[in-house]
Amino acid sequence: MSRALAALDGRDYVRPDDLKRAAIPTLAHRLTLTPQAWAQGISPEAVVRTVRDSVAVPPTVSARAAAPVGLG
């Protein structure tokens, strides 16, 4: 999934932010919550989101990183 997102963005390499973008749709459906978590209204998506958001993406490879300045 991350490779597909990179390709859609016109890149032949995967960045950490591609992995983060793909985390919820590719991982949440694989989780089976305990009955207690289910009763508390916790969703698999929320669990993956919490873990995903706790991992920092290096700013030099972030999608928001500034583009190189052109010459001239």
PDB file of N, CA and C in Angstrom:
ATOM      1  N   MET A   1       0.818  -1.176   0.000  1.00  0.00           N
ATOM      2  CA  MET A   1       0.000   0.000   0.000  1.00  0.00           C
ATOM      3  C   MET A   1       0.873   1.254   0.000  1.00  0.00           C
ATOM      4  N   SER A   2       1.922   1.254   0.798  1.00  0.00           N
ATOM      5  CA  SER A   2       2.814   2.410   0.844  1.00  0.00           C
ATOM      6  C   SER A   2       3.502   2.633  -0.497  1.00  0.00           C
ATOM      7  N   ARG A   3       3.889   1.557  -1.141  1.00  0.00           N
ATOM      8  CA  ARG A   3       4.515   1.674  -2.462  1.00  0.00           C
ATOM      9  C   ARG A   3       3.524   2.239  -3.477  1.00  0.00           C
ATOM     10  N   ALA A   4       2.285   1.843  -3.383  1.00  0.00           N
ATOM     11  CA  ALA A   4       1.267   2.362  -4.296  1.00  0.00           C
ATOM     12  C   ALA A   4       1.044   3.855  -4.064  1.00  0.00           C
ATOM     13  N   LEU A   5       0.997   4.272  -2.808  1.00  0.00           N
ATOM     14  CA  LEU A   5       0.845   5.693  -2.512  1.00  0.00           C
ATOM     15  C   LEU A   5       2.016   6.496  -3.053  1.00  0.00           C
ATOM     16  N   ALA A   6       3.228   5.962  -2.896  1.00  0.00           N
ATOM     17  CA  ALA A   6       4.413   6.643  -3.429  1.00  0.00           C
ATOM     18  C   ALA A   6       4.321   6.746  -4.944  1.00  0.00           C
ATOM     19  N   ALA A   7       3.915   5.672  -5.597  1.00  0.00           N
ATOM     20  CA  ALA A   7       3.798   5.680  -7.058  1.00  0.00           C
ATOM     21  C   ALA A   7       2.750   6.682  -7.516  1.00  0.00           C
ATOM     22  N   LEU A   8       1.635   6.769  -6.795  1.00  0.00           N
ATOM     23  CA  LEU A   8       0.605   7.738  -7.143  1.00  0.00           C
ATOM     24  C   LEU A   8       1.111   9.175  -7.005  1.00  0.00           C
ATOM     25  N   ASP A   9       2.082   9.367  -6.110  1.00  0.00           N
ATOM     26  CA  ASP A   9       2.702  10.680  -5.946  1.00  0.00           C
ATOM     27  C   ASP A   9       3.860  10.892  -6.914  1.00  0.00           C
ATOM     28  N   GLY A  10       4.095   9.903  -7.805  1.00  0.00           N
ATOM     29  CA  GLY A  10       5.144  10.031  -8.810  1.00  0.00           C
ATOM     30  C   GLY A  10       6.547   9.698  -8.311  1.00  0.00           C
ATOM     31  N   ARG A  11       6.639   8.930  -7.233  1.00  0.00           N
ATOM     32  CA  ARG A  11       7.946   8.547  -6.697  1.00  0.00           C
ATOM     33  C   ARG A  11       8.163   7.049  -6.830  1.00  0.00           C
ATOM     34  N   ASP A  12       9.418   6.651  -6.947  1.00  0.00           N
ATOM     35  CA  ASP A  12       9.754   5.223  -6.988  1.00  0.00           C
ATOM     36  C   ASP A  12      10.367   4.776  -5.665  1.00  0.00           C
ATOM     37  N   TYR A  13      10.135   5.523  -4.613  1.00  0.00           N
ATOM     38  CA  TYR A  13      10.629   5.188  -3.280  1.00  0.00           C
ATOM     39  C   TYR A  13       9.547   5.534  -2.258  1.00  0.00           C
ATOM     40  N   VAL A  14       9.601   4.851  -1.123  1.00  0.00           N
ATOM     41  CA  VAL A  14       8.626   5.036  -0.055  1.00  0.00           C
ATOM     42  C   VAL A  14       9.247   5.892   1.039  1.00  0.00           C
ATOM     43  N   ARG A  15       8.483   6.858   1.513  1.00  0.00           N
ATOM     44  CA  ARG A  15       8.920   7.698   2.627  1.00  0.00           C
ATOM     45  C   ARG A  15       8.164   7.268   3.881  1.00  0.00           C
ATOM     46  N   PRO A  16       8.682   7.613   5.067  1.00  0.00           N
ATOM     47  CA  PRO A  16       7.978   7.250   6.301  1.00  0.00           C
ATOM     48  C   PRO A  16       6.545   7.765   6.347  1.00  0.00           C
ATOM     49  N   ASP A  17       6.287   8.932   5.776  1.00  0.00           N
ATOM     50  CA  ASP A  17       4.919   9.443   5.809  1.00  0.00           C
ATOM     51  C   ASP A  17       3.984   8.611   4.929  1.00  0.00           C
ATOM     52  N   ASP A  18       4.507   7.912   3.915  1.00  0.00           N
ATOM     53  CA  ASP A  18       3.689   6.983   3.138  1.00  0.00           C
ATOM     54  C   ASP A  18       3.227   5.835   4.024  1.00  0.00           C
ATOM     55  N   LEU A  19       4.130   5.351   4.865  1.00  0.00           N
ATOM     56  CA  LEU A  19       3.781   4.265   5.786  1.00  0.00           C
ATOM     57  C   LEU A  19       2.698   4.716   6.760  1.00  0.00           C
ATOM     58  N   LYS A  20       2.828   5.946   7.252  1.00  0.00           N
ATOM     59  CA  LYS A  20       1.839   6.452   8.186  1.00  0.00           C
ATOM     60  C   LYS A  20       0.479   6.639   7.509  1.00  0.00           C
ATOM     61  N   ARG A  21       0.473   7.095   6.264  1.00  0.00           N
ATOM     62  CA  ARG A  21      -0.786   7.264   5.528  1.00  0.00           C
ATOM     63  C   ARG A  21      -1.487   5.922   5.324  1.00  0.00           C
ATOM     64  N   ALA A  22      -0.733   4.870   5.142  1.00  0.00           N
ATOM     65  CA  ALA A  22      -1.303   3.550   4.859  1.00  0.00           C
ATOM     66  C   ALA A  22      -1.635   2.752   6.120  1.00  0.00           C
ATOM     67  N   ALA A  23      -1.191   3.197   7.273  1.00  0.00           N
ATOM     68  CA  ALA A  23      -1.307   2.393   8.493  1.00  0.00           C
ATOM     69  C   ALA A  23      -2.749   2.019   8.841  1.00  0.00           C
ATOM     70  N   ILE A  24      -3.640   2.986   8.913  1.00  0.00           N
ATOM     71  CA  ILE A  24      -5.001   2.691   9.369  1.00  0.00           C
ATOM     72  C   ILE A  24      -5.747   1.770   8.408  1.00  0.00           C
ATOM     73  N   PRO A  25      -5.787   2.084   7.102  1.00  0.00           N
ATOM     74  CA  PRO A  25      -6.549   1.189   6.219  1.00  0.00           C
ATOM     75  C   PRO A  25      -5.948  -0.206   6.062  1.00  0.00           C
ATOM     76  N   THR A  26      -4.648  -0.350   6.295  1.00  0.00           N
ATOM     77  CA  THR A  26      -4.041  -1.668   6.102  1.00  0.00           C
ATOM     78  C   THR A  26      -3.920  -2.478   7.389  1.00  0.00           C
ATOM     79  N   LEU A  27      -3.968  -1.833   8.547  1.00  0.00           N
ATOM     80  CA  LEU A  27      -3.762  -2.561   9.798  1.00  0.00           C
ATOM     81  C   LEU A  27      -5.014  -2.701  10.668  1.00  0.00           C
ATOM     82  N   ALA A  28      -5.892  -1.715  10.647  1.00  0.00           N
ATOM     83  CA  ALA A  28      -7.023  -1.714  11.584  1.00  0.00           C
ATOM     84  C   ALA A  28      -7.913  -2.939  11.433  1.00  0.00           C
ATOM     85  N   HIS A  29      -8.134  -3.387  10.219  1.00  0.00           N
ATOM     86  CA  HIS A  29      -9.030  -4.539  10.023  1.00  0.00           C
ATOM     87  C   HIS A  29      -8.415  -5.842  10.531  1.00  0.00           C
ATOM     88  N   ARG A  30      -7.136  -5.825  10.857  1.00  0.00           N
ATOM     89  CA  ARG A  30      -6.475  -7.033  11.362  1.00  0.00           C
ATOM     90  C   ARG A  30      -6.558  -7.168  12.884  1.00  0.00           C
ATOM     91  N   LEU A  31      -7.029  -6.129  13.544  1.00  0.00           N
ATOM     92  CA  LEU A  31      -7.091  -6.160  15.002  1.00  0.00           C
ATOM     93  C   LEU A  31      -8.402  -6.763  15.482  1.00  0.00           C
ATOM     94  N   THR A  32      -8.295  -7.546  16.538  1.00  0.00           N
ATOM     95  CA  THR A  32      -9.468  -8.064  17.226  1.00  0.00           C
ATOM     96  C   THR A  32      -9.421  -7.500  18.635  1.00  0.00           C
ATOM     97  N   LEU A  33     -10.398  -6.687  18.960  1.00  0.00           N
ATOM     98  CA  LEU A  33     -10.414  -6.049  20.269  1.00  0.00           C
ATOM     99  C   LEU A  33     -10.984  -6.973  21.324  1.00  0.00           C
ATOM    100  N   THR A  34     -10.587  -6.729  22.553  1.00  0.00           N
ATOM    101  CA  THR A  34     -11.160  -7.468  23.671  1.00  0.00           C
ATOM    102  C   THR A  34     -12.605  -7.018  23.864  1.00  0.00           C
ATOM    103  N   PRO A  35     -13.416  -7.842  24.499  1.00  0.00           N
ATOM    104  CA  PRO A  35     -14.795  -7.421  24.771  1.00  0.00           C
ATOM    105  C   PRO A  35     -14.849  -6.127  25.594  1.00  0.00           C
ATOM    106  N   GLN A  36     -13.897  -5.953  26.499  1.00  0.00           N
ATOM    107  CA  GLN A  36     -13.869  -4.740  27.320  1.00  0.00           C
ATOM    108  C   GLN A  36     -13.607  -3.509  26.454  1.00  0.00           C
ATOM    109  N   ALA A  37     -12.660  -3.595  25.522  1.00  0.00           N
ATOM    110  CA  ALA A  37     -12.360  -2.465  24.635  1.00  0.00           C
ATOM    111  C   ALA A  37     -13.566  -2.170  23.754  1.00  0.00           C
ATOM    112  N   TRP A  38     -14.183  -3.206  23.236  1.00  0.00           N
ATOM    113  CA  TRP A  38     -15.363  -3.031  22.391  1.00  0.00           C
ATOM    114  C   TRP A  38     -16.483  -2.349  23.167  1.00  0.00           C
ATOM    115  N   ALA A  39     -16.709  -2.784  24.424  1.00  0.00           N
ATOM    116  CA  ALA A  39     -17.765  -2.207  25.256  1.00  0.00           C
ATOM    117  C   ALA A  39     -17.490  -0.746  25.585  1.00  0.00           C
ATOM    118  N   GLN A  40     -16.221  -0.366  25.629  1.00  0.00           N
ATOM    119  CA  GLN A  40     -15.844   1.020  25.910  1.00  0.00           C
ATOM    120  C   GLN A  40     -15.898   1.891  24.656  1.00  0.00           C
ATOM    121  N   GLY A  41     -16.230   1.292  23.534  1.00  0.00           N
ATOM    122  CA  GLY A  41     -16.354   2.060  22.304  1.00  0.00           C
ATOM    123  C   GLY A  41     -15.032   2.341  21.606  1.00  0.00           C
ATOM    124  N   ILE A  42     -14.012   1.596  21.943  1.00  0.00           N
ATOM    125  CA  ILE A  42     -12.706   1.770  21.299  1.00  0.00           C
ATOM    126  C   ILE A  42     -12.743   1.056  19.956  1.00  0.00           C
ATOM    127  N   SER A  43     -12.283   1.733  18.930  1.00  0.00           N
ATOM    128  CA  SER A  43     -12.285   1.136  17.594  1.00  0.00           C
ATOM    129  C   SER A  43     -10.875   0.697  17.214  1.00  0.00           C
ATOM    130  N   PRO A  44     -10.764  -0.291  16.336  1.00  0.00           N
ATOM    131  CA  PRO A  44      -9.436  -0.690  15.849  1.00  0.00           C
ATOM    132  C   PRO A  44      -8.715   0.486  15.193  1.00  0.00           C
ATOM    133  N   GLU A  45      -9.457   1.338  14.496  1.00  0.00           N
ATOM    134  CA  GLU A  45      -8.855   2.499  13.851  1.00  0.00           C
ATOM    135  C   GLU A  45      -8.213   3.428  14.876  1.00  0.00           C
ATOM    136  N   ALA A  46      -8.883   3.601  16.023  1.00  0.00           N
ATOM    137  CA  ALA A  46      -8.342   4.465  17.078  1.00  0.00           C
ATOM    138  C   ALA A  46      -7.058   3.886  17.660  1.00  0.00           C
ATOM    139  N   VAL A  47      -7.007   2.564  17.796  1.00  0.00           N
ATOM    140  CA  VAL A  47      -5.804   1.924  18.318  1.00  0.00           C
ATOM    141  C   VAL A  47      -4.624   2.146  17.367  1.00  0.00           C
ATOM    142  N   VAL A  48      -4.846   1.905  16.080  1.00  0.00           N
ATOM    143  CA  VAL A  48      -3.780   2.097  15.095  1.00  0.00           C
ATOM    144  C   VAL A  48      -3.391   3.568  15.031  1.00  0.00           C
ATOM    145  N   ARG A  49      -4.362   4.459  15.065  1.00  0.00           N
ATOM    146  CA  ARG A  49      -4.084   5.904  15.009  1.00  0.00           C
ATOM    147  C   ARG A  49      -3.212   6.330  16.189  1.00  0.00           C
ATOM    148  N   THR A  50      -3.515   5.817  17.385  1.00  0.00           N
ATOM    149  CA  THR A  50      -2.739   6.165  18.577  1.00  0.00           C
ATOM    150  C   THR A  50      -1.283   5.736  18.424  1.00  0.00           C
ATOM    151  N   VAL A  51      -1.078   4.527  17.946  1.00  0.00           N
ATOM    152  CA  VAL A  51       0.287   4.031  17.759  1.00  0.00           C
ATOM    153  C   VAL A  51       0.980   4.810  16.650  1.00  0.00           C
ATOM    154  N   ARG A  52       0.288   4.994  15.527  1.00  0.00           N
ATOM    155  CA  ARG A  52       0.860   5.721  14.388  1.00  0.00           C
ATOM    156  C   ARG A  52       1.272   7.133  14.787  1.00  0.00           C
ATOM    157  N   ASP A  53       0.422   7.810  15.530  1.00  0.00           N
ATOM    158  CA  ASP A  53       0.707   9.193  15.902  1.00  0.00           C
ATOM    159  C   ASP A  53       1.818   9.323  16.927  1.00  0.00           C
ATOM    160  N   SER A  54       2.170   8.228  17.580  1.00  0.00           N
ATOM    161  CA  SER A  54       3.255   8.284  18.567  1.00  0.00           C
ATOM    162  C   SER A  54       4.635   8.116  17.927  1.00  0.00           C
ATOM    163  N   VAL A  55       4.662   7.824  16.632  1.00  0.00           N
ATOM    164  CA  VAL A  55       5.927   7.639  15.917  1.00  0.00           C
ATOM    165  C   VAL A  55       6.211   8.894  15.098  1.00  0.00           C
ATOM    166  N   ALA A  56       7.362   9.497  15.353  1.00  0.00           N
ATOM    167  CA  ALA A  56       7.728  10.725  14.644  1.00  0.00           C
ATOM    168  C   ALA A  56       8.262  10.415  13.253  1.00  0.00           C
ATOM    169  N   VAL A  57       7.934  11.296  12.314  1.00  0.00           N
ATOM    170  CA  VAL A  57       8.484  11.209  10.961  1.00  0.00           C
ATOM    171  C   VAL A  57       9.608  12.228  10.879  1.00  0.00           C
ATOM    172  N   PRO A  58      10.782  11.809  10.436  1.00  0.00           N
ATOM    173  CA  PRO A  58      11.871  12.773  10.319  1.00  0.00           C
ATOM    174  C   PRO A  58      11.461  13.941   9.418  1.00  0.00           C
ATOM    175  N   PRO A  59      11.721  15.174   9.834  1.00  0.00           N
ATOM    176  CA  PRO A  59      11.275  16.326   9.052  1.00  0.00           C
ATOM    177  C   PRO A  59      11.920  16.423   7.674  1.00  0.00           C
ATOM    178  N   THR A  60      13.065  15.807   7.478  1.00  0.00           N
ATOM    179  CA  THR A  60      13.738  15.903   6.180  1.00  0.00           C
ATOM    180  C   THR A  60      13.062  15.063   5.115  1.00  0.00           C
ATOM    181  N   VAL A  61      12.213  14.110   5.510  1.00  0.00           N
ATOM    182  CA  VAL A  61      11.542  13.267   4.524  1.00  0.00           C
ATOM    183  C   VAL A  61      10.026  13.416   4.572  1.00  0.00           C
ATOM    184  N   SER A  62       9.550  14.335   5.358  1.00  0.00           N
ATOM    185  CA  SER A  62       8.121  14.547   5.472  1.00  0.00           C
ATOM    186  C   SER A  62       7.554  15.112   4.182  1.00  0.00           C
ATOM    187  N   ALA A  63       6.302  14.815   3.923  1.00  0.00           N
ATOM    188  CA  ALA A  63       5.637  15.347   2.730  1.00  0.00           C
ATOM    189  C   ALA A  63       5.568  16.870   2.794  1.00  0.00           C
ATOM    190  N   ARG A  64       5.662  17.426   3.982  1.00  0.00           N
ATOM    191  CA  ARG A  64       5.590  18.875   4.134  1.00  0.00           C
ATOM    192  C   ARG A  64       6.956  19.544   4.028  1.00  0.00           C
ATOM    193  N   ALA A  65       8.011  18.750   3.817  1.00  0.00           N
ATOM    194  CA  ALA A  65       9.344  19.332   3.711  1.00  0.00           C
ATOM    195  C   ALA A  65       9.399  20.273   2.512  1.00  0.00           C
ATOM    196  N   ALA A  66      10.136  21.326   2.659  1.00  0.00           N
ATOM    197  CA  ALA A  66      10.239  22.317   1.595  1.00  0.00           C
ATOM    198  C   ALA A  66      10.943  21.719   0.383  1.00  0.00           C
ATOM    199  N   ALA A  67      10.474  22.113  -0.777  1.00  0.00           N
ATOM    200  CA  ALA A  67      11.091  21.661  -2.032  1.00  0.00           C
ATOM    201  C   ALA A  67      12.430  22.379  -2.185  1.00  0.00           C
ATOM    202  N   PRO A  68      13.387  21.747  -2.887  1.00  0.00           N
ATOM    203  CA  PRO A  68      14.681  22.397  -3.092  1.00  0.00           C
ATOM    204  C   PRO A  68      14.495  23.704  -3.854  1.00  0.00           C
ATOM    205  N   VAL A  69      15.292  24.662  -3.497  1.00  0.00           N
ATOM    206  CA  VAL A  69      15.237  25.966  -4.142  1.00  0.00           C
ATOM    207  C   VAL A  69      15.956  25.872  -5.472  1.00  0.00           C
ATOM    208  N   GLY A  70      15.315  26.376  -6.525  1.00  0.00           N
ATOM    209  CA  GLY A  70      15.903  26.322  -7.857  1.00  0.00           C
ATOM    210  C   GLY A  70      17.046  27.321  -8.021  1.00  0.00           C
ATOM    211  N   LEU A  71      17.875  27.083  -8.983  1.00  0.00           N
ATOM    212  CA  LEU A  71      18.989  27.989  -9.271  1.00  0.00           C
ATOM    213  C   LEU A  71      18.475  29.155 -10.084  1.00  0.00           C
ATOM    214  N   GLY A  72      19.003  30.294  -9.835  1.00  0.00           N
ATOM    215  CA  GLY A  72      18.683  31.422 -10.691  1.00  0.00           C
ATOM    216  C   GLY A  72      17.874  32.382 -10.007  1.00  0.00           C
TER     217      GLY A  72
END
